[in-house]
């Protein structure tokens, strides 16, 4: 996305009564807008499934906001889950 206006960050999934829940945050790259947290109203059987689904939904959401099509690319070395510069 060359002219991206939005990006996202996946939160750590949390265990809730035998299932996993997750959310992501929309991050504006251009000034003026505020970050927006999106809680996914689903329960998942594992943390990895929650991360995968949140990533997929966030990519679609950000692509739509940027007027683009979601690419579903794997994270780069700088975007490794919950690393120094986490995107996922």
PDB file of N, CA and C in Angstrom:
ATOM      1  N   UNK A   1       0.839  -1.170   0.000  1.00  0.00           N
ATOM      2  CA  UNK A   1       0.000   0.000   0.000  1.00  0.00           C
ATOM      3  C   UNK A   1       0.891   1.243   0.000  1.00  0.00           C
ATOM      4  N   UNK A   2       1.036   1.839  -1.133  1.00  0.00           N
ATOM      5  CA  UNK A   2       1.937   2.976  -1.272  1.00  0.00           C
ATOM      6  C   UNK A   2       1.415   4.231  -0.590  1.00  0.00           C
ATOM      7  N   UNK A   3       0.146   4.522  -0.706  1.00  0.00           N
ATOM      8  CA  UNK A   3      -0.433   5.734  -0.127  1.00  0.00           C
ATOM      9  C   UNK A   3      -1.315   5.400   1.071  1.00  0.00           C
ATOM     10  N   UNK A   4      -0.824   4.510   1.910  1.00  0.00           N
ATOM     11  CA  UNK A   4      -1.609   4.063   3.056  1.00  0.00           C
ATOM     12  C   UNK A   4      -1.860   5.207   4.030  1.00  0.00           C
ATOM     13  N   UNK A   5      -3.079   5.247   4.519  1.00  0.00           N
ATOM     14  CA  UNK A   5      -3.466   6.231   5.523  1.00  0.00           C
ATOM     15  C   UNK A   5      -3.697   5.556   6.864  1.00  0.00           C
ATOM     16  N   UNK A   6      -3.863   4.240   6.847  1.00  0.00           N
ATOM     17  CA  UNK A   6      -4.153   3.467   8.050  1.00  0.00           C
ATOM     18  C   UNK A   6      -3.286   2.215   8.106  1.00  0.00           C
ATOM     19  N   UNK A   7      -2.985   1.765   9.309  1.00  0.00           N
ATOM     20  CA  UNK A   7      -2.316   0.497   9.554  1.00  0.00           C
ATOM     21  C   UNK A   7      -3.015  -0.133  10.758  1.00  0.00           C
ATOM     22  N   UNK A   8      -2.537  -1.262  11.240  1.00  0.00           N
ATOM     23  CA  UNK A   8      -3.182  -1.904  12.381  1.00  0.00           C
ATOM     24  C   UNK A   8      -2.164  -2.582  13.271  1.00  0.00           C
ATOM     25  N   UNK A   9      -2.586  -2.887  14.488  1.00  0.00           N
ATOM     26  CA  UNK A   9      -1.784  -3.651  15.430  1.00  0.00           C
ATOM     27  C   UNK A   9      -2.714  -4.635  16.140  1.00  0.00           C
ATOM     28  N   UNK A  10      -2.311  -5.891  16.162  1.00  0.00           N
ATOM     29  CA  UNK A  10      -3.095  -6.934  16.808  1.00  0.00           C
ATOM     30  C   UNK A  10      -2.736  -6.966  18.295  1.00  0.00           C
ATOM     31  N   UNK A  11      -3.741  -7.060  19.150  1.00  0.00           N
ATOM     32  CA  UNK A  11      -3.495  -7.193  20.586  1.00  0.00           C
ATOM     33  C   UNK A  11      -3.203  -8.653  20.919  1.00  0.00           C
ATOM     34  N   UNK A  12      -2.612  -8.864  22.078  1.00  0.00           N
ATOM     35  CA  UNK A  12      -2.414 -10.241  22.533  1.00  0.00           C
ATOM     36  C   UNK A  12      -3.778 -10.855  22.831  1.00  0.00           C
ATOM     37  N   UNK A  13      -3.999 -12.091  22.412  1.00  0.00           N
ATOM     38  CA  UNK A  13      -5.264 -12.741  22.744  1.00  0.00           C
ATOM     39  C   UNK A  13      -5.329 -13.008  24.252  1.00  0.00           C
ATOM     40  N   UNK A  14      -6.535 -13.066  24.791  1.00  0.00           N
ATOM     41  CA  UNK A  14      -6.671 -13.372  26.212  1.00  0.00           C
ATOM     42  C   UNK A  14      -7.676 -14.502  26.404  1.00  0.00           C
ATOM     43  N   UNK A  15      -7.389 -15.313  27.416  1.00  0.00           N
ATOM     44  CA  UNK A  15      -8.209 -16.482  27.715  1.00  0.00           C
ATOM     45  C   UNK A  15      -9.417 -16.048  28.522  1.00  0.00           C
ATOM     46  N   UNK A  16     -10.604 -16.473  28.106  1.00  0.00           N
ATOM     47  CA  UNK A  16     -11.846 -16.054  28.750  1.00  0.00           C
ATOM     48  C   UNK A  16     -12.817 -17.233  28.825  1.00  0.00           C
ATOM     49  N   UNK A  17     -12.945 -17.821  29.999  1.00  0.00           N
ATOM     50  CA  UNK A  17     -13.896 -18.928  30.222  1.00  0.00           C
ATOM     51  C   UNK A  17     -13.759 -20.064  29.212  1.00  0.00           C
ATOM     52  N   UNK A  18     -12.543 -20.532  29.005  1.00  0.00           N
ATOM     53  CA  UNK A  18     -12.321 -21.683  28.138  1.00  0.00           C
ATOM     54  C   UNK A  18     -12.141 -21.384  26.667  1.00  0.00           C
ATOM     55  N   UNK A  19     -12.206 -20.140  26.280  1.00  0.00           N
ATOM     56  CA  UNK A  19     -11.978 -19.777  24.878  1.00  0.00           C
ATOM     57  C   UNK A  19     -11.085 -18.533  24.829  1.00  0.00           C
ATOM     58  N   UNK A  20     -10.711 -18.156  23.624  1.00  0.00           N
ATOM     59  CA  UNK A  20      -9.802 -17.023  23.422  1.00  0.00           C
ATOM     60  C   UNK A  20     -10.526 -15.875  22.743  1.00  0.00           C
ATOM     61  N   UNK A  21     -10.188 -14.667  23.182  1.00  0.00           N
ATOM     62  CA  UNK A  21     -10.760 -13.445  22.597  1.00  0.00           C
ATOM     63  C   UNK A  21      -9.606 -12.559  22.155  1.00  0.00           C
ATOM     64  N   UNK A  22      -9.891 -11.635  21.244  1.00  0.00           N
ATOM     65  CA  UNK A  22      -8.832 -10.786  20.700  1.00  0.00           C
ATOM     66  C   UNK A  22      -9.433  -9.493  20.146  1.00  0.00           C
ATOM     67  N   UNK A  23      -8.576  -8.513  19.925  1.00  0.00           N
ATOM     68  CA  UNK A  23      -8.968  -7.236  19.318  1.00  0.00           C
ATOM     69  C   UNK A  23      -7.783  -6.711  18.513  1.00  0.00           C
ATOM     70  N   UNK A  24      -8.046  -5.705  17.687  1.00  0.00           N
ATOM     71  CA  UNK A  24      -6.975  -5.023  16.970  1.00  0.00           C
ATOM     72  C   UNK A  24      -7.219  -3.529  17.043  1.00  0.00           C
ATOM     73  N   UNK A  25      -6.180  -2.762  16.796  1.00  0.00           N
ATOM     74  CA  UNK A  25      -6.269  -1.306  16.830  1.00  0.00           C
ATOM     75  C   UNK A  25      -5.945  -0.747  15.461  1.00  0.00           C
ATOM     76  N   UNK A  26      -6.818   0.120  14.963  1.00  0.00           N
ATOM     77  CA  UNK A  26      -6.555   0.834  13.713  1.00  0.00           C
ATOM     78  C   UNK A  26      -5.694   2.037  14.053  1.00  0.00           C
ATOM     79  N   UNK A  27      -4.595   2.199  13.321  1.00  0.00           N
ATOM     80  CA  UNK A  27      -3.640   3.265  13.597  1.00  0.00           C
ATOM     81  C   UNK A  27      -3.569   4.188  12.382  1.00  0.00           C
ATOM     82  N   UNK A  28      -3.930   5.475  12.554  1.00  0.00           N
ATOM     83  CA  UNK A  28      -3.833   6.412  11.432  1.00  0.00           C
ATOM     84  C   UNK A  28      -2.375   6.790  11.178  1.00  0.00           C
ATOM     85  N   UNK A  29      -1.952   6.738   9.920  1.00  0.00           N
ATOM     86  CA  UNK A  29      -0.587   7.134   9.567  1.00  0.00           C
ATOM     87  C   UNK A  29      -0.515   8.624   9.261  1.00  0.00           C
ATOM     88  N   UNK A  30      -1.631   9.197   8.876  1.00  0.00           N
ATOM     89  CA  UNK A  30      -1.709  10.635   8.622  1.00  0.00           C
ATOM     90  C   UNK A  30      -2.368  11.291   9.828  1.00  0.00           C
ATOM     91  N   UNK A  31      -1.997  12.511  10.121  1.00  0.00           N
ATOM     92  CA  UNK A  31      -2.543  13.207  11.284  1.00  0.00           C
ATOM     93  C   UNK A  31      -4.032  13.463  11.172  1.00  0.00           C
ATOM     94  N   UNK A  32      -4.643  13.808  12.295  1.00  0.00           N
ATOM     95  CA  UNK A  32      -6.044  14.182  12.290  1.00  0.00           C
ATOM     96  C   UNK A  32      -6.971  13.151  12.897  1.00  0.00           C
ATOM     97  N   UNK A  33      -6.731  11.878  12.644  1.00  0.00           N
ATOM     98  CA  UNK A  33      -7.617  10.838  13.169  1.00  0.00           C
ATOM     99  C   UNK A  33      -6.996  10.216  14.423  1.00  0.00           C
ATOM    100  N   UNK A  34      -7.855   9.629  15.253  1.00  0.00           N
ATOM    101  CA  UNK A  34      -7.383   8.951  16.450  1.00  0.00           C
ATOM    102  C   UNK A  34      -7.386   7.447  16.238  1.00  0.00           C
ATOM    103  N   UNK A  35      -6.567   6.730  17.026  1.00  0.00           N
ATOM    104  CA  UNK A  35      -6.571   5.277  16.976  1.00  0.00           C
ATOM    105  C   UNK A  35      -7.949   4.765  17.383  1.00  0.00           C
ATOM    106  N   UNK A  36      -8.315   3.620  16.836  1.00  0.00           N
ATOM    107  CA  UNK A  36      -9.605   3.033  17.170  1.00  0.00           C
ATOM    108  C   UNK A  36      -9.425   1.550  17.457  1.00  0.00           C
ATOM    109  N   UNK A  37      -9.845   1.118  18.635  1.00  0.00           N
ATOM    110  CA  UNK A  37      -9.756  -0.286  19.020  1.00  0.00           C
ATOM    111  C   UNK A  37     -11.007  -1.010  18.524  1.00  0.00           C
ATOM    112  N   UNK A  38     -10.798  -2.165  17.872  1.00  0.00           N
ATOM    113  CA  UNK A  38     -11.889  -2.979  17.361  1.00  0.00           C
ATOM    114  C   UNK A  38     -11.852  -4.330  18.088  1.00  0.00           C
ATOM    115  N   UNK A  39     -12.825  -4.574  18.941  1.00  0.00           N
ATOM    116  CA  UNK A  39     -12.932  -5.861  19.631  1.00  0.00           C
ATOM    117  C   UNK A  39     -13.723  -6.812  18.744  1.00  0.00           C
ATOM    118  N   UNK A  40     -13.208  -8.006  18.544  1.00  0.00           N
ATOM    119  CA  UNK A  40     -13.887  -9.000  17.724  1.00  0.00           C
ATOM    120  C   UNK A  40     -14.814  -9.790  18.631  1.00  0.00           C
ATOM    121  N   UNK A  41     -16.079  -9.787  18.309  1.00  0.00           N
ATOM    122  CA  UNK A  41     -17.091 -10.417  19.151  1.00  0.00           C
ATOM    123  C   UNK A  41     -17.245 -11.901  18.798  1.00  0.00           C
ATOM    124  N   UNK A  42     -16.153 -12.619  18.867  1.00  0.00           N
ATOM    125  CA  UNK A  42     -16.130 -14.058  18.612  1.00  0.00           C
ATOM    126  C   UNK A  42     -15.245 -14.698  19.668  1.00  0.00           C
ATOM    127  N   UNK A  43     -15.450 -15.976  19.883  1.00  0.00           N
ATOM    128  CA  UNK A  43     -14.610 -16.760  20.788  1.00  0.00           C
ATOM    129  C   UNK A  43     -13.929 -17.833  19.951  1.00  0.00           C
ATOM    130  N   UNK A  44     -12.629 -18.034  20.194  1.00  0.00           N
ATOM    131  CA  UNK A  44     -11.840 -18.967  19.396  1.00  0.00           C
ATOM    132  C   UNK A  44     -11.292 -20.086  20.270  1.00  0.00           C
ATOM    133  N   UNK A  45     -11.059 -21.244  19.672  1.00  0.00           N
ATOM    134  CA  UNK A  45     -10.601 -22.414  20.421  1.00  0.00           C
ATOM    135  C   UNK A  45      -9.121 -22.351  20.790  1.00  0.00           C
ATOM    136  N   UNK A  46      -8.343 -21.515  20.096  1.00  0.00           N
ATOM    137  CA  UNK A  46      -6.923 -21.373  20.429  1.00  0.00           C
ATOM    138  C   UNK A  46      -6.475 -19.932  20.193  1.00  0.00           C
ATOM    139  N   UNK A  47      -5.376 -19.575  20.835  1.00  0.00           N
ATOM    140  CA  UNK A  47      -4.828 -18.225  20.677  1.00  0.00           C
ATOM    141  C   UNK A  47      -4.376 -17.998  19.234  1.00  0.00           C
ATOM    142  N   UNK A  48      -3.775 -19.012  18.607  1.00  0.00           N
ATOM    143  CA  UNK A  48      -3.281 -18.857  17.238  1.00  0.00           C
ATOM    144  C   UNK A  48      -4.420 -18.632  16.255  1.00  0.00           C
ATOM    145  N   UNK A  49      -5.523 -19.329  16.434  1.00  0.00           N
ATOM    146  CA  UNK A  49      -6.683 -19.114  15.561  1.00  0.00           C
ATOM    147  C   UNK A  49      -7.210 -17.695  15.743  1.00  0.00           C
ATOM    148  N   UNK A  50      -7.228 -17.203  16.985  1.00  0.00           N
ATOM    149  CA  UNK A  50      -7.669 -15.829  17.248  1.00  0.00           C
ATOM    150  C   UNK A  50      -6.758 -14.824  16.554  1.00  0.00           C
ATOM    151  N   UNK A  51      -5.448 -15.039  16.637  1.00  0.00           N
ATOM    152  CA  UNK A  51      -4.482 -14.139  15.985  1.00  0.00           C
ATOM    153  C   UNK A  51      -4.672 -14.163  14.472  1.00  0.00           C
ATOM    154  N   UNK A  52      -4.793 -15.357  13.903  1.00  0.00           N
ATOM    155  CA  UNK A  52      -4.964 -15.485  12.451  1.00  0.00           C
ATOM    156  C   UNK A  52      -6.232 -14.773  11.977  1.00  0.00           C
ATOM    157  N   UNK A  53      -7.326 -14.970  12.686  1.00  0.00           N
ATOM    158  CA  UNK A  53      -8.588 -14.355  12.275  1.00  0.00           C
ATOM    159  C   UNK A  53      -8.566 -12.841  12.458  1.00  0.00           C
ATOM    160  N   UNK A  54      -7.998 -12.370  13.564  1.00  0.00           N
ATOM    161  CA  UNK A  54      -7.901 -10.925  13.785  1.00  0.00           C
ATOM    162  C   UNK A  54      -7.018 -10.277  12.723  1.00  0.00           C
ATOM    163  N   UNK A  55      -5.939 -10.936  12.353  1.00  0.00           N
ATOM    164  CA  UNK A  55      -5.055 -10.418  11.312  1.00  0.00           C
ATOM    165  C   UNK A  55      -5.791 -10.312   9.983  1.00  0.00           C
ATOM    166  N   UNK A  56      -6.528 -11.360   9.633  1.00  0.00           N
ATOM    167  CA  UNK A  56      -7.284 -11.364   8.379  1.00  0.00           C
ATOM    168  C   UNK A  56      -8.316 -10.233   8.362  1.00  0.00           C
ATOM    169  N   UNK A  57      -9.073 -10.099   9.451  1.00  0.00           N
ATOM    170  CA  UNK A  57     -10.089  -9.048   9.516  1.00  0.00           C
ATOM    171  C   UNK A  57      -9.464  -7.654   9.501  1.00  0.00           C
ATOM    172  N   UNK A  58      -8.358  -7.475  10.210  1.00  0.00           N
ATOM    173  CA  UNK A  58      -7.688  -6.172  10.242  1.00  0.00           C
ATOM    174  C   UNK A  58      -7.142  -5.806   8.858  1.00  0.00           C
ATOM    175  N   UNK A  59      -6.575  -6.776   8.142  1.00  0.00           N
ATOM    176  CA  UNK A  59      -6.063  -6.505   6.801  1.00  0.00           C
ATOM    177  C   UNK A  59      -7.185  -6.064   5.868  1.00  0.00           C
ATOM    178  N   UNK A  60      -8.328  -6.710   5.964  1.00  0.00           N
ATOM    179  CA  UNK A  60      -9.476  -6.320   5.141  1.00  0.00           C
ATOM    180  C   UNK A  60      -9.942  -4.917   5.515  1.00  0.00           C
ATOM    181  N   UNK A  61     -10.049  -4.651   6.807  1.00  0.00           N
ATOM    182  CA  UNK A  61     -10.521  -3.358   7.295  1.00  0.00           C
ATOM    183  C   UNK A  61      -9.586  -2.226   6.847  1.00  0.00           C
ATOM    184  N   UNK A  62      -8.283  -2.406   7.029  1.00  0.00           N
ATOM    185  CA  UNK A  62      -7.303  -1.381   6.655  1.00  0.00           C
ATOM    186  C   UNK A  62      -7.275  -1.181   5.144  1.00  0.00           C
ATOM    187  N   UNK A  63      -7.334  -2.251   4.389  1.00  0.00           N
ATOM    188  CA  UNK A  63      -7.349  -2.123   2.932  1.00  0.00           C
ATOM    189  C   UNK A  63      -8.563  -1.321   2.478  1.00  0.00           C
ATOM    190  N   UNK A  64      -9.706  -1.579   3.087  1.00  0.00           N
ATOM    191  CA  UNK A  64     -10.923  -0.843   2.757  1.00  0.00           C
ATOM    192  C   UNK A  64     -10.769   0.647   3.091  1.00  0.00           C
ATOM    193  N   UNK A  65     -10.237   0.935   4.269  1.00  0.00           N
ATOM    194  CA  UNK A  65     -10.033   2.340   4.663  1.00  0.00           C
ATOM    195  C   UNK A  65      -9.052   3.053   3.741  1.00  0.00           C
ATOM    196  N   UNK A  66      -8.055   2.320   3.229  1.00  0.00           N
ATOM    197  CA  UNK A  66      -7.043   2.897   2.348  1.00  0.00           C
ATOM    198  C   UNK A  66      -7.456   2.875   0.877  1.00  0.00           C
ATOM    199  N   UNK A  67      -8.655   2.353   0.585  1.00  0.00           N
ATOM    200  CA  UNK A  67      -9.116   2.288  -0.801  1.00  0.00           C
ATOM    201  C   UNK A  67      -8.332   1.288  -1.619  1.00  0.00           C
ATOM    202  N   UNK A  68      -7.921   0.186  -0.981  1.00  0.00           N
ATOM    203  CA  UNK A  68      -7.079  -0.810  -1.621  1.00  0.00           C
ATOM    204  C   UNK A  68      -7.714  -2.190  -1.448  1.00  0.00           C
ATOM    205  N   UNK A  69      -7.018  -3.213  -1.911  1.00  0.00           N
ATOM    206  CA  UNK A  69      -7.458  -4.589  -1.744  1.00  0.00           C
ATOM    207  C   UNK A  69      -6.512  -5.280  -0.778  1.00  0.00           C
ATOM    208  N   UNK A  70      -7.028  -6.062   0.147  1.00  0.00           N
ATOM    209  CA  UNK A  70      -6.195  -6.769   1.123  1.00  0.00           C
ATOM    210  C   UNK A  70      -5.259  -7.741   0.415  1.00  0.00           C
ATOM    211  N   UNK A  71      -3.977  -7.768   0.859  1.00  0.00           N
ATOM    212  CA  UNK A  71      -2.973  -8.605   0.214  1.00  0.00           C
ATOM    213  C   UNK A  71      -2.697  -9.894   0.984  1.00  0.00           C
ATOM    214  N   UNK A  72      -2.996  -9.958   2.277  1.00  0.00           N
ATOM    215  CA  UNK A  72      -2.780 -11.130   3.126  1.00  0.00           C
ATOM    216  C   UNK A  72      -1.332 -11.605   3.099  1.00  0.00           C
ATOM    217  N   UNK A  73      -0.411 -10.677   3.310  1.00  0.00           N
ATOM    218  CA  UNK A  73       1.008 -11.009   3.339  1.00  0.00           C
ATOM    219  C   UNK A  73       1.432 -11.399   4.748  1.00  0.00           C
ATOM    220  N   UNK A  74       2.391 -12.329   4.835  1.00  0.00           N
ATOM    221  CA  UNK A  74       2.927 -12.715   6.134  1.00  0.00           C
ATOM    222  C   UNK A  74       3.748 -11.557   6.696  1.00  0.00           C
ATOM    223  N   UNK A  75       3.879 -11.488   8.041  1.00  0.00           N
ATOM    224  CA  UNK A  75       4.655 -10.395   8.632  1.00  0.00           C
ATOM    225  C   UNK A  75       6.129 -10.478   8.250  1.00  0.00           C
ATOM    226  N   UNK A  76       6.757  -9.322   8.131  1.00  0.00           N
ATOM    227  CA  UNK A  76       8.191  -9.275   7.865  1.00  0.00           C
ATOM    228  C   UNK A  76       8.937  -9.491   9.181  1.00  0.00           C
ATOM    229  N   UNK A  77      10.261  -9.544   9.140  1.00  0.00           N
ATOM    230  CA  UNK A  77      11.059  -9.725  10.357  1.00  0.00           C
ATOM    231  C   UNK A  77      10.799  -8.625  11.382  1.00  0.00           C
ATOM    232  N   UNK A  78      10.525  -7.402  10.923  1.00  0.00           N
ATOM    233  CA  UNK A  78      10.267  -6.297  11.861  1.00  0.00           C
ATOM    234  C   UNK A  78       8.842  -6.304  12.383  1.00  0.00           C
ATOM    235  N   UNK A  79       7.989  -7.173  11.848  1.00  0.00           N
ATOM    236  CA  UNK A  79       6.586  -7.242  12.258  1.00  0.00           C
ATOM    237  C   UNK A  79       6.246  -8.564  12.942  1.00  0.00           C
ATOM    238  N   UNK A  80       7.254  -9.260  13.434  1.00  0.00           N
ATOM    239  CA  UNK A  80       7.044 -10.553  14.077  1.00  0.00           C
ATOM    240  C   UNK A  80       6.088 -10.386  15.255  1.00  0.00           C
ATOM    241  N   UNK A  81       5.197 -11.363  15.471  1.00  0.00           N
ATOM    242  CA  UNK A  81       4.203 -11.220  16.538  1.00  0.00           C
ATOM    243  C   UNK A  81       4.791 -10.813  17.883  1.00  0.00           C
ATOM    244  N   UNK A  82       4.280  -9.704  18.389  1.00  0.00           N
ATOM    245  CA  UNK A  82       4.599  -9.210  19.716  1.00  0.00           C
ATOM    246  C   UNK A  82       6.095  -8.959  19.911  1.00  0.00           C
ATOM    247  N   UNK A  83       6.811  -8.628  18.836  1.00  0.00           N
ATOM    248  CA  UNK A  83       8.219  -8.309  18.915  1.00  0.00           C
ATOM    249  C   UNK A  83       8.427  -6.833  19.215  1.00  0.00           C
ATOM    250  N   UNK A  84       9.603  -6.342  18.868  1.00  0.00           N
ATOM    251  CA  UNK A  84       9.972  -4.954  19.150  1.00  0.00           C
ATOM    252  C   UNK A  84       9.056  -3.968  18.425  1.00  0.00           C
ATOM    253  N   UNK A  85       8.735  -4.231  17.172  1.00  0.00           N
ATOM    254  CA  UNK A  85       7.880  -3.362  16.370  1.00  0.00           C
ATOM    255  C   UNK A  85       6.661  -4.153  15.911  1.00  0.00           C
ATOM    256  N   UNK A  86       5.767  -4.534  16.835  1.00  0.00           N
ATOM    257  CA  UNK A  86       4.692  -5.431  16.450  1.00  0.00           C
ATOM    258  C   UNK A  86       3.609  -4.769  15.602  1.00  0.00           C
ATOM    259  N   UNK A  87       3.314  -5.387  14.524  1.00  0.00           N
ATOM    260  CA  UNK A  87       2.135  -5.018  13.735  1.00  0.00           C
ATOM    261  C   UNK A  87       1.110  -6.110  13.929  1.00  0.00           C
ATOM    262  N   UNK A  88       1.585  -7.328  14.057  1.00  0.00           N
ATOM    263  CA  UNK A  88       0.703  -8.479  14.218  1.00  0.00           C
ATOM    264  C   UNK A  88       0.802  -8.988  15.633  1.00  0.00           C
TER     265      UNK A  88
END
